[in-house]
Amino acid sequence: MQQEDTYLAALAKRSQLFDGIGADNLSALLSCLGARRVRLAKGELLLRTGEKADRFGIVLTGSLAVSTYDADGRRTLIKLIRAPEVVAAAQALSGADMISVDVEANEDSVVLLLKAARIVTPCENACAFHARLVRNIIRTLAVKTLELNRKIEILSHRSTQDRLMAYLRYIAKQKGTAEFEIPFDRQQLADYLCIERSALSAEISRLSKLGLITSRKSHFALRRTSPWDTCSSRRKPARLSESGRVRD
């Protein structure tokens, strides 16, 4: 059992949630939080919409997809969560009665589940590392809020073209290069941008033919001739008509 605790602590230590907490204290803290390791096969659900919002997880290996579905079964991909990120913390710690998203394994994954009640109610010893944990959680949730704001900004664009280019610009800026891999396959990208896959594929093909981007599976490159490359310019980028001509 002690060997298992040491193994979990070593994996969990990579998460920013435990930044500044020593290995010895981390093992004790995981016990305090009722930590439980869960193995998931690809496509298996960790959390389901409507379940009690009383726990959250840290991805130890693999990745998870956080999604919602409308009444017609159409999926909106909110985010892919990769090791060692935190998943469902905002809902579990908000006091919400039920989970409002589905969390499923994007690939074979291992997740460390923690009891939310143990976070908001400090242990009897009121240990210093528990206070550090709370500060780390606040920082983690603040970062996730910024990420959601970024997605709202991307989805505020009305056209498929504008949503796609806004997303690609963001990834290029984040990675510091005009050529990059995105974390989604084609269907996941369509779900993330809230558009039909056929419309997305058609737009990628059109922009590629115009020489504005190059694309192969999850690999993209923004061409220097693209009107979206001049991010520092105050002039609004030219907009393309459906025929591919530049409109004022």
Protein backbone atom coordinates (compact mmCIF):
# COMPACT_ATOMS: atom_id res chain seq x y z
CA MET A 1 0.00 0.00 0.00
CA GLN A 2 2.85 2.35 0.87
CA GLN A 3 4.49 1.57 -2.47
CA GLU A 4 1.21 2.43 -4.25
CA ASP A 5 0.97 5.75 -2.37
CA THR A 6 4.54 6.59 -3.34
CA TYR A 7 3.82 5.77 -7.00
CA LEU A 8 0.69 7.93 -7.07
CA ALA A 9 2.51 10.79 -5.36
CA ALA A 10 5.29 10.65 -7.97
CA LEU A 11 2.77 10.89 -10.83
CA ALA A 12 0.61 13.53 -9.15
CA LYS A 13 3.65 15.68 -8.37
CA ARG A 14 3.77 16.72 -12.03
CA SER A 15 0.47 18.56 -11.63
CA GLN A 16 0.55 22.28 -10.82
CA LEU A 17 -2.10 21.49 -8.23
CA PHE A 18 0.67 20.22 -5.96
CA ASP A 19 3.28 22.84 -6.77
CA GLY A 20 5.38 23.63 -3.70
CA ILE A 21 4.26 20.56 -1.76
CA GLY A 22 7.05 18.13 -0.84
CA ALA A 23 6.90 14.42 -1.65
CA ASP A 24 6.43 13.37 1.98
CA ASN A 25 3.61 15.84 2.52
CA LEU A 26 2.04 14.92 -0.83
CA SER A 27 1.57 11.28 0.14
CA ALA A 28 -0.19 12.36 3.34
CA LEU A 29 -2.27 14.92 1.43
CA LEU A 30 -3.46 12.38 -1.15
CA SER A 31 -4.62 10.15 1.69
CA CYS A 32 -6.44 13.11 3.25
CA LEU A 33 -8.16 13.83 -0.08
CA GLY A 34 -9.36 10.24 -0.48
CA ALA A 35 -7.34 9.81 -3.67
CA ARG A 36 -8.35 6.87 -5.87
CA ARG A 37 -6.71 5.76 -9.11
CA VAL A 38 -9.02 4.92 -12.02
CA ARG A 39 -8.00 3.22 -15.28
CA LEU A 40 -10.06 4.04 -18.37
CA ALA A 41 -10.15 2.45 -21.80
CA LYS A 42 -10.59 4.73 -24.82
CA GLY A 43 -14.21 5.92 -24.97
CA GLU A 44 -14.99 4.95 -21.36
CA LEU A 45 -16.77 7.60 -19.26
CA LEU A 46 -15.16 8.99 -16.12
CA LEU A 47 -18.00 11.41 -15.34
CA ARG A 48 -21.47 11.60 -16.87
CA THR A 49 -23.91 14.52 -17.12
CA GLY A 50 -26.32 14.41 -14.19
CA GLU A 51 -24.01 12.60 -11.79
CA LYS A 52 -23.29 14.09 -8.38
CA ALA A 53 -20.59 16.78 -8.57
CA ASP A 54 -18.56 15.61 -5.60
CA ARG A 55 -15.20 14.72 -7.12
CA PHE A 56 -12.66 15.85 -9.67
CA GLY A 57 -9.61 14.34 -11.24
CA ILE A 58 -5.98 14.74 -12.24
CA VAL A 59 -4.98 13.07 -15.50
CA LEU A 60 -1.92 10.95 -14.73
CA THR A 61 -1.51 9.41 -18.19
CA GLY A 62 -3.44 9.75 -21.46
CA SER A 63 -6.09 12.38 -22.16
CA LEU A 64 -9.79 13.06 -21.54
CA ALA A 65 -12.43 14.80 -23.67
CA VAL A 66 -14.87 17.14 -21.91
CA SER A 67 -18.07 17.48 -23.97
CA THR A 68 -21.72 18.43 -23.90
CA TYR A 69 -24.54 17.09 -26.09
CA ASP A 70 -27.69 18.86 -27.19
CA ALA A 71 -31.18 17.32 -27.39
CA ASP A 72 -30.44 16.01 -30.90
CA GLY A 73 -27.22 14.33 -29.81
CA ARG A 74 -24.89 16.86 -31.41
CA ARG A 75 -21.63 17.10 -29.56
CA THR A 76 -19.74 20.22 -28.50
CA LEU A 77 -16.16 19.49 -27.49
CA ILE A 78 -15.23 21.91 -24.73
CA LYS A 79 -11.64 20.85 -24.17
CA LEU A 80 -9.14 18.02 -24.31
CA ILE A 81 -7.50 17.47 -20.93
CA ARG A 82 -4.02 15.97 -21.02
CA ALA A 83 -1.68 14.74 -18.30
CA PRO A 84 -1.05 16.26 -15.81
CA GLU A 85 -4.04 18.64 -16.04
CA VAL A 86 -7.05 18.83 -13.73
CA VAL A 87 -10.57 17.92 -14.88
CA ALA A 88 -14.01 18.90 -13.49
CA ALA A 89 -12.54 20.87 -10.57
CA ALA A 90 -14.67 23.97 -11.18
CA GLN A 91 -17.94 22.03 -11.09
CA ALA A 92 -16.98 19.90 -8.10
CA LEU A 93 -15.80 22.90 -6.05
CA SER A 94 -18.58 25.30 -7.08
CA GLY A 95 -21.25 23.68 -4.94
CA ALA A 96 -23.16 22.49 -8.03
CA ASP A 97 -25.43 19.52 -7.37
CA MET A 98 -24.73 17.74 -10.64
CA ILE A 99 -22.07 17.45 -13.31
CA SER A 100 -23.15 19.25 -16.51
CA VAL A 101 -20.60 17.68 -18.88
CA ASP A 102 -19.49 14.24 -20.03
CA VAL A 103 -15.85 13.36 -19.39
CA GLU A 104 -14.59 10.40 -21.38
CA ALA A 105 -11.22 8.88 -22.20
CA ASN A 106 -9.82 10.16 -25.48
CA GLU A 107 -7.33 7.29 -25.28
CA ASP A 108 -6.39 4.70 -22.66
CA SER A 109 -5.86 6.84 -19.56
CA VAL A 110 -5.22 6.80 -15.84
CA VAL A 111 -6.90 9.40 -13.62
CA LEU A 112 -6.50 10.23 -9.94
CA LEU A 113 -9.91 11.06 -8.44
CA LEU A 114 -10.09 13.38 -5.42
CA LYS A 115 -13.01 14.15 -3.12
CA ALA A 116 -14.04 17.80 -3.42
CA ALA A 117 -15.37 17.99 0.14
CA ARG A 118 -11.88 17.29 1.46
CA ILE A 119 -10.64 20.42 -0.34
CA VAL A 120 -13.18 22.92 0.97
CA THR A 121 -13.10 21.45 4.49
CA PRO A 122 -9.48 21.46 5.68
CA CYS A 123 -8.19 18.53 7.67
CA GLU A 124 -8.18 18.70 11.46
CA ASN A 125 -4.48 19.51 11.55
CA ALA A 126 -4.98 22.60 9.31
CA CYS A 127 -1.65 21.68 7.73
CA ALA A 128 0.32 24.26 5.80
CA PHE A 129 0.45 22.13 2.65
CA HIS A 130 -3.37 22.00 2.58
CA ALA A 131 -3.41 25.80 2.50
CA ARG A 132 -0.88 25.69 -0.35
CA LEU A 133 -3.17 23.29 -2.20
CA VAL A 134 -6.06 25.75 -1.99
CA ARG A 135 -3.88 28.54 -3.43
CA ASN A 136 -2.80 26.25 -6.27
CA ILE A 137 -6.42 25.37 -7.04
CA ILE A 138 -7.37 29.05 -7.26
CA ARG A 139 -4.54 29.63 -9.72
CA THR A 140 -5.50 26.54 -11.75
CA LEU A 141 -9.14 27.64 -12.00
CA ALA A 142 -8.07 31.15 -13.02
CA VAL A 143 -6.03 29.70 -15.91
CA LYS A 144 -8.98 27.56 -17.01
CA THR A 145 -11.22 30.64 -16.94
CA LEU A 146 -8.83 32.41 -19.32
CA GLU A 147 -8.89 29.37 -21.63
CA LEU A 148 -12.69 29.39 -21.71
CA ASN A 149 -12.68 33.12 -22.43
CA ARG A 150 -10.39 32.42 -25.37
CA LYS A 151 -12.81 29.82 -26.72
CA ILE A 152 -15.74 32.23 -26.33
CA GLU A 153 -13.74 34.79 -28.32
CA ILE A 154 -13.12 32.24 -31.09
CA LEU A 155 -16.78 31.16 -31.22
CA SER A 156 -17.94 34.77 -31.33
CA HIS A 157 -16.94 34.77 -35.01
CA ARG A 158 -19.92 33.89 -37.18
CA SER A 159 -18.38 32.23 -40.21
CA THR A 160 -16.54 28.92 -40.47
CA GLN A 161 -13.60 30.75 -42.04
CA ASP A 162 -13.28 33.25 -39.20
CA ARG A 163 -13.63 30.65 -36.45
CA LEU A 164 -11.05 28.38 -38.03
CA MET A 165 -8.52 31.16 -38.62
CA ALA A 166 -9.04 32.65 -35.17
CA TYR A 167 -8.26 29.24 -33.67
CA LEU A 168 -5.22 28.64 -35.87
CA ARG A 169 -3.89 32.13 -35.11
CA TYR A 170 -4.24 31.42 -31.39
CA ILE A 171 -2.35 28.11 -31.61
CA ALA A 172 0.39 29.71 -33.75
CA LYS A 173 0.82 32.49 -31.20
CA GLN A 174 0.80 30.00 -28.32
CA LYS A 175 3.50 27.84 -29.93
CA GLY A 176 5.49 30.76 -31.33
CA THR A 177 5.60 29.34 -34.85
CA ALA A 178 3.49 29.47 -38.00
CA GLU A 179 3.76 25.68 -38.43
CA PHE A 180 2.33 23.47 -35.70
CA GLU A 181 0.28 20.46 -34.62
CA ILE A 182 -3.15 20.99 -33.11
CA PRO A 183 -4.42 18.67 -30.34
CA PHE A 184 -7.56 17.66 -32.29
CA ASP A 185 -8.38 15.36 -35.15
CA ARG A 186 -10.71 16.74 -37.84
CA GLN A 187 -13.94 15.67 -36.12
CA GLN A 188 -12.78 17.00 -32.75
CA LEU A 189 -11.83 20.33 -34.33
CA ALA A 190 -15.29 20.60 -35.87
CA ASP A 191 -16.88 19.79 -32.49
CA TYR A 192 -14.66 22.36 -30.76
CA LEU A 193 -15.57 25.09 -33.27
CA CYS A 194 -19.28 24.10 -33.19
CA ILE A 195 -19.50 23.55 -36.94
CA GLU A 196 -20.24 20.59 -39.19
CA ARG A 197 -17.25 18.48 -40.16
CA SER A 198 -18.13 18.71 -43.87
CA ALA A 199 -18.16 22.52 -43.67
CA LEU A 200 -14.82 22.52 -41.85
CA SER A 201 -13.20 20.18 -44.39
CA ALA A 202 -14.51 22.29 -47.26
CA GLU A 203 -13.11 25.47 -45.68
CA ILE A 204 -9.71 23.92 -45.02
CA SER A 205 -9.59 22.71 -48.64
CA ARG A 206 -10.60 26.15 -49.96
CA LEU A 207 -8.03 28.04 -47.91
CA SER A 208 -5.35 25.50 -48.88
CA LYS A 209 -6.11 25.98 -52.58
CA LEU A 210 -5.81 29.74 -52.12
CA GLY A 211 -2.36 29.21 -50.62
CA LEU A 212 -3.31 30.77 -47.29
CA ILE A 213 -2.71 27.63 -45.21
CA THR A 214 -1.30 24.15 -45.65
CA SER A 215 -2.76 21.22 -43.81
CA ARG A 216 -2.22 17.50 -43.34
CA LYS A 217 -4.32 15.78 -40.69
CA SER A 218 -3.54 17.68 -37.44
CA HIS A 219 -0.58 19.55 -38.90
CA PHE A 220 -1.17 23.14 -40.06
CA ALA A 221 0.96 25.97 -41.37
CA LEU A 222 -0.06 29.58 -41.84
CA ARG A 223 1.45 31.01 -45.00
CA ARG A 224 3.13 34.41 -44.83
CA THR A 225 0.92 35.59 -47.66
CA SER A 226 -2.15 35.03 -45.48
CA PRO A 227 -4.02 38.21 -44.46
CA TRP A 228 -4.19 36.74 -40.94
CA ASP A 229 -0.41 36.72 -40.52
CA THR A 230 -0.20 40.46 -39.98
CA CYS A 231 -1.52 40.21 -36.44
CA SER A 232 0.26 43.36 -35.36
CA SER A 233 -1.44 45.40 -38.05
CA ARG A 234 -4.36 47.55 -36.97
CA ARG A 235 -6.01 47.15 -40.34
CA LYS A 236 -8.82 44.60 -40.37
CA PRO A 237 -7.77 41.51 -42.40
CA ALA A 238 -9.36 41.11 -45.82
CA ARG A 239 -12.33 38.78 -45.92
CA LEU A 240 -12.73 36.15 -48.59
CA SER A 241 -15.95 35.56 -50.46
CA GLU A 242 -17.19 32.01 -51.09
CA SER A 243 -15.60 32.22 -54.56
CA GLY A 244 -12.24 32.97 -52.99
CA ARG A 245 -12.06 36.63 -54.01
CA VAL A 246 -10.95 39.22 -51.50
CA ARG A 247 -13.72 41.51 -50.31
CA ASP A 248 -13.22 44.93 -48.72
